[in-house]
Amino acid sequence: MNQSLWRDHVLPFFLLLGLLAAATLSGDYVLHWLNLVWVGRYLGILGTLLIIFSLYYSLRKRKYVTSGDPSILLKMHEFSAWLGSLMILIHAGVHFNAILPWLATVAMSINVVSGLVGKMLLKRARAHVQNQREQFQLRGLSKPEVEQAVFWDAVTLYIMNQWRKVHIPIYIVFTVIALGHIISVFLFWGWV
């Protein structure tokens, strides 16, 4: 049975992204329906704090801190970054008030996508392509025939392997733009 990298690994990834989008739209709709749009302001703060908390894993991975089980911290990183992103997306809503918050939202969204690529797809995709190669070799195909048979899956895997080249720089861009947004809120909104 020829399994497809797209169907088995990439499609579930897009379904999880769709879930994030649906949860965002639903959350924004509920806040508007209940006339609680002001709650979105505070969801932005909570979401930002959750994303900052998620960075503990990155600090542990790079050995800036030494406490904590990396596998547990990775799960906490994934969950808190996803939930924080959801809160920030609900905070952003569909309001077109200023360009800086939207730039931060776009940068964060790209970062979420690249993080999900790393989480959901890369390890599974490598195993999938390797399994496909082994199956074709067991059928007696020559090395060139095997490579031809897994060509499109290998191309997909190569593209997915580039995720860190996007994830970390976009995170830096997101951080700078988000800080600009936060500073402008404190300067111009009059919360304090």
Protein backbone atom coordinates (compact mmCIF):
# COMPACT_ATOMS: atom_id res chain seq x y z
CA MET A 1 0.00 0.00 0.00
CA ASN A 2 1.61 3.25 -1.12
CA GLN A 3 1.14 5.83 1.58
CA SER A 4 1.28 9.50 0.76
CA LEU A 5 3.38 11.94 2.75
CA TRP A 6 0.78 14.58 1.89
CA ARG A 7 -2.23 12.61 3.12
CA ASP A 8 -0.63 11.07 6.20
CA HIS A 9 1.41 13.99 7.50
CA VAL A 10 0.86 17.28 5.70
CA LEU A 11 -2.95 17.17 5.68
CA PRO A 12 -3.22 16.68 9.48
CA PHE A 13 -0.90 19.68 9.83
CA PHE A 14 -3.29 21.81 7.77
CA LEU A 15 -6.22 20.48 9.79
CA LEU A 16 -4.53 21.68 13.00
CA LEU A 17 -3.97 25.09 11.40
CA GLY A 18 -7.64 25.08 10.40
CA LEU A 19 -8.55 24.30 14.00
CA LEU A 20 -6.51 27.30 15.16
CA ALA A 21 -8.26 29.51 12.60
CA ALA A 22 -11.70 28.17 13.55
CA ALA A 23 -11.00 28.63 17.26
CA THR A 24 -9.84 32.18 16.57
CA LEU A 25 -12.91 33.10 14.55
CA SER A 26 -15.22 31.41 17.07
CA GLY A 27 -13.57 33.16 20.00
CA ASP A 28 -13.79 36.54 18.31
CA TYR A 29 -17.40 35.89 17.31
CA VAL A 30 -18.38 34.89 20.87
CA LEU A 31 -16.75 38.00 22.34
CA HIS A 32 -18.66 40.21 19.90
CA TRP A 33 -21.91 38.28 20.39
CA LEU A 34 -21.67 38.63 24.19
CA ASN A 35 -20.61 42.27 23.86
CA LEU A 36 -17.32 41.45 25.59
CA VAL A 37 -14.93 42.79 22.97
CA TRP A 38 -12.94 44.50 25.73
CA VAL A 39 -11.85 41.04 26.94
CA GLY A 40 -9.77 40.73 23.77
CA ARG A 41 -7.48 43.48 25.04
CA TYR A 42 -6.55 41.34 28.01
CA LEU A 43 -6.27 38.16 25.94
CA GLY A 44 -3.42 39.90 24.13
CA ILE A 45 -1.60 40.35 27.43
CA LEU A 46 -2.22 36.76 28.54
CA GLY A 47 -1.20 35.41 25.15
CA THR A 48 2.02 37.41 25.21
CA LEU A 49 2.84 36.09 28.68
CA LEU A 50 2.20 32.51 27.55
CA ILE A 51 4.50 32.96 24.55
CA ILE A 52 7.20 34.43 26.80
CA PHE A 53 6.75 31.45 29.14
CA SER A 54 7.15 29.09 26.17
CA LEU A 55 10.66 30.44 25.62
CA TYR A 56 11.90 28.55 28.69
CA TYR A 57 12.21 25.46 26.49
CA SER A 58 14.43 27.33 24.03
CA LEU A 59 16.62 28.53 26.90
CA ARG A 60 16.88 24.96 28.21
CA LYS A 61 17.62 23.55 24.76
CA ARG A 62 20.49 26.00 24.32
CA LYS A 63 21.70 25.29 27.89
CA TYR A 64 21.16 28.83 29.19
CA VAL A 65 19.19 27.19 32.00
CA THR A 66 19.78 23.66 33.28
CA SER A 67 16.62 22.74 35.16
CA GLY A 68 13.67 20.93 33.64
CA ASP A 69 13.14 17.83 31.56
CA PRO A 70 13.54 18.85 27.89
CA SER A 71 10.77 16.54 26.66
CA ILE A 72 8.28 17.96 29.17
CA LEU A 73 9.46 21.50 28.45
CA LEU A 74 8.98 20.88 24.71
CA LYS A 75 5.35 19.86 25.31
CA MET A 76 4.84 22.94 27.51
CA HIS A 77 6.50 25.10 24.81
CA GLU A 78 4.19 23.74 22.13
CA PHE A 79 1.03 24.06 24.23
CA SER A 80 1.71 27.49 25.69
CA ALA A 81 2.87 28.90 22.34
CA TRP A 82 -0.27 27.52 20.61
CA LEU A 83 -2.62 28.78 23.33
CA GLY A 84 -0.83 32.12 23.54
CA SER A 85 -1.04 32.49 19.77
CA LEU A 86 -4.75 31.68 19.88
CA MET A 87 -5.30 34.38 22.51
CA ILE A 88 -3.31 36.92 20.50
CA LEU A 89 -5.20 36.05 17.32
CA ILE A 90 -8.51 36.54 19.16
CA HIS A 91 -7.06 39.80 20.54
CA ALA A 92 -6.27 40.90 16.98
CA GLY A 93 -9.72 39.89 15.76
CA VAL A 94 -10.71 41.35 12.44
CA HIS A 95 -10.06 44.93 13.43
CA PHE A 96 -8.02 47.04 11.03
CA ASN A 97 -7.01 49.85 13.37
CA ALA A 98 -3.28 50.06 12.77
CA ILE A 99 -0.52 48.48 10.69
CA LEU A 100 1.92 47.61 13.51
CA PRO A 101 -0.41 45.15 15.29
CA TRP A 102 -1.23 43.48 11.98
CA LEU A 103 2.44 43.12 11.10
CA ALA A 104 2.99 41.48 14.49
CA THR A 105 0.01 39.19 13.90
CA VAL A 106 1.29 38.15 10.47
CA ALA A 107 4.80 37.52 11.83
CA MET A 108 3.38 35.51 14.74
CA SER A 109 1.18 33.49 12.37
CA ILE A 110 4.15 32.61 10.17
CA ASN A 111 6.05 31.63 13.30
CA VAL A 112 3.18 29.40 14.44
CA VAL A 113 3.10 27.69 11.05
CA SER A 114 6.85 27.10 11.07
CA GLY A 115 6.69 25.80 14.65
CA LEU A 116 3.93 23.37 13.71
CA VAL A 117 6.03 22.18 10.78
CA GLY A 118 8.80 21.35 13.21
CA LYS A 119 6.46 19.74 15.71
CA MET A 120 4.08 17.78 13.55
CA LEU A 121 5.73 17.07 10.29
CA LEU A 122 9.47 16.86 10.22
CA LYS A 123 10.16 13.76 12.34
CA ARG A 124 7.20 11.88 10.90
CA ALA A 125 8.07 12.88 7.37
CA ARG A 126 11.66 11.67 7.70
CA ALA A 127 10.43 8.32 9.02
CA HIS A 128 7.83 8.13 6.25
CA VAL A 129 10.33 8.72 3.45
CA GLN A 130 12.81 6.28 4.97
CA ASN A 131 10.05 3.66 5.34
CA GLN A 132 9.04 4.19 1.71
CA ARG A 133 12.64 3.73 0.57
CA GLU A 134 12.94 0.49 2.56
CA GLN A 135 9.65 -0.85 1.19
CA PHE A 136 10.70 -0.17 -2.40
CA GLN A 137 14.11 -1.78 -1.78
CA LEU A 138 12.39 -4.88 -0.36
CA ARG A 139 10.37 -5.09 -3.59
CA GLY A 140 13.65 -5.33 -5.47
CA LEU A 141 13.78 -1.87 -7.04
CA SER A 142 17.20 -0.49 -7.89
CA LYS A 143 18.52 2.57 -6.09
CA PRO A 144 17.62 4.94 -9.00
CA GLU A 145 14.14 3.41 -9.17
CA VAL A 146 13.69 3.86 -5.42
CA GLU A 147 14.78 7.49 -5.62
CA GLN A 148 12.41 8.09 -8.52
CA ALA A 149 9.55 6.45 -6.60
CA VAL A 150 10.07 8.69 -3.53
CA PHE A 151 11.06 11.80 -5.49
CA TRP A 152 8.07 14.02 -4.63
CA ASP A 153 8.03 12.91 -1.00
CA ALA A 154 11.77 13.65 -0.80
CA VAL A 155 11.23 17.11 -2.33
CA THR A 156 8.46 17.77 0.21
CA LEU A 157 10.76 16.60 3.01
CA TYR A 158 13.60 18.84 1.78
CA ILE A 159 11.31 21.89 1.81
CA MET A 160 10.06 21.01 5.28
CA ASN A 161 13.66 20.66 6.53
CA GLN A 162 14.09 24.39 5.95
CA TRP A 163 11.65 25.23 8.80
CA ARG A 164 14.28 26.46 11.31
CA LYS A 165 15.57 28.92 8.72
CA VAL A 166 12.13 30.54 8.95
CA HIS A 167 11.14 29.86 12.57
CA ILE A 168 13.89 31.66 14.47
CA PRO A 169 14.29 34.78 12.26
CA ILE A 170 10.51 35.24 12.07
CA TYR A 171 10.33 34.88 15.84
CA ILE A 172 12.87 37.71 16.15
CA VAL A 173 10.87 39.86 13.70
CA PHE A 174 7.66 39.04 15.60
CA THR A 175 9.30 39.99 18.91
CA VAL A 176 10.53 43.35 17.63
CA ILE A 177 7.19 44.25 16.02
CA ALA A 178 5.23 43.02 19.04
CA LEU A 179 7.41 45.12 21.36
CA GLY A 180 6.75 48.13 19.14
CA HIS A 181 3.03 47.44 19.38
CA ILE A 182 3.15 47.02 23.16
CA ILE A 183 5.18 50.22 23.63
CA SER A 184 2.81 52.17 21.38
CA VAL A 185 -0.15 50.87 23.41
CA PHE A 186 1.40 52.13 26.61
CA LEU A 187 2.31 55.46 25.03
CA PHE A 188 -0.92 56.23 23.20
CA TRP A 189 -3.76 54.22 24.69
CA GLY A 190 -3.71 55.67 28.17
CA TRP A 191 -3.99 52.43 30.12
CA VAL A 192 -1.78 53.74 32.89
